[in-house]
Amino acid sequence: MGFEGPGVYEIVPYQAPSLNMNSWEGLMKAGAVVRTYPRGKPPTANAIWQLALVAGSGDSAEYLIINVRTGYFLTATADNTIVSTPQISPADPTCHWTIKYTPTNGYDVYTINSKVSSRGQLSVKDFSTKSGADILSSPTANTDNCKWYFDLSELGSQK
């Protein structure tokens, strides 16, 4: 489960590999919050994310993370709050993310960091391993609840 650059992925919390990052309830409206949800085979469309390169390359590459079901961008709307998918310009830095390789205990995992430094990185609130946990843009900590797998295995040739 590794990140291979732009493509379509299921994004999975390192500390809870039976869950995924989910645009909550699959709502087809701007502003849906993002939480953990049990993984399906195949994953539901609101748990699949398109990563599109918007600037830079290598470790400084910036990506839009776009929900496949809704087309809305994952956005760090405020410091230390739940992330959501508002209707926003792709040029807005709050929807730009860098992906950093952070191998842990032999696993290929990554942190997802906001371009806006005060927004930190994506994390699962309170280290939760339960469905429905908020996914936050929280201060950079690089702890296990801030690490993610990028899974292509159930997506076939969508990359």
Foldseek 3Di string as FASTA:
>chain_A
DADDAWFKWQKAQQLARQWTWFQPPLDQAFWRFIWIDGQDQPGDQRRMWTWDFDDDDDQPTKTFTARRSRRFTFFQPDEWAFTTGHDDDPVDQRRIWGWAFDDDPNDGKTAIAGPPQRLGTWFFPPSDNDTPTGIGSYHHDPDSRRIIHTDCPSVPPRD
